[in-house]
Amino acid sequence: MKPLFVSGPSFQRLIFFIVTSLALMVIDHRFQYLQTVRASLSTVVYPLQYVINLPVKTGQWLSSHFSDRIELIEKNNHLHEENLLLQVKLQRLEDVKNENRRLRKLLEASKKRNERVVMAEVLAIDLDPFTRKILINKGTQHGVFEKQPLLDAEGVLGQVLHVSPYSSTVILITDPNHALPVQIARTGLRTIAVGMGTANRLALLYLPNDAGILVGDIIVTSGLGGQFPQGYPVGTVVEVNPDIAQPYAQVQAIPAARLERNREVLLVLADNPSFATTIDQFNQKQ
């Protein structure tokens, strides 16, 4: 028996393989005799195919895994930044709401009086522990003048001490060098409220021990001297200590105004300001 692939010309072997291939394809197509053989061969070859495709599948899995992780990290960072931005906007919104509330109170306070007023913003607060002063953003270019009264939505703040073209220094009613003519709203008794150098205390001078001052009495401007119109809230009496060794009682009050906590203040306008009671006169009495 002669070997098939050794003897004979190459052309004959080619013809033989072509005919054999065609015959096998026809038999497989017509009678499906080779389906079992093909299934057996695929079962035998599958592990080899799996091993060959394993690096490709591993690379695809790793790529998908890291891609999803990177995308998740980016989304997380983006959400974190968006959360911070929304928190900042929320804080700003709350600040705007508070500002609108303060401005409405100032507007309502100005409508209750017939005096003309202009609003100013507080730029800075003097940090000197022995004085009580603030800086506002209005000056001579805006019609501000020295000793001009200042208010907020709650009551009297103080008066302008120094004026420049675009800003002014204001001395608050709690400054030791400030004196304000006031009266007790309940009794009509007049006195002078001077600052004590602290942020929330006023001293009421020249009140006799038997003046009948009570804790809780409301203090308003008396209108004497023409500096502040009559009836502006100044504060509330919180301490009354009669002094038998002195002709006058020691009386203290808490200011009605927010003083150093304000952002906006009201300047009372006047065409011909005339102030009879000034800081210099008070110092001369002392």
Foldseek 3Di string as FASTA:
>chain_A
DDDPPPDDDPVVVVVVVVVVVVVVVVCCVPPVPCVVVVVVVCVVCVVVVCVVCVVVVVVVVVVVVVVVVVVVVVVVVVVVVVVVVVVVVVVVVVVVVVVVVQVVLQVVQVVVDPFDKDKWFWDAFDPPLQFGKTKTFAFVCNVADFLFWKAGSFFTFATWHAGDHGMTMTGGQQHQLDKAWKAFPVPRHIFIWHHPSDDWKIKTPDAFLPNPDDFFTWIWGCCPQVSDHTDTTFFTWHDWAHDPVDRHITTMTTGRGPHPVDGMMMTGDDDDGTGPDDSVVVVVVD
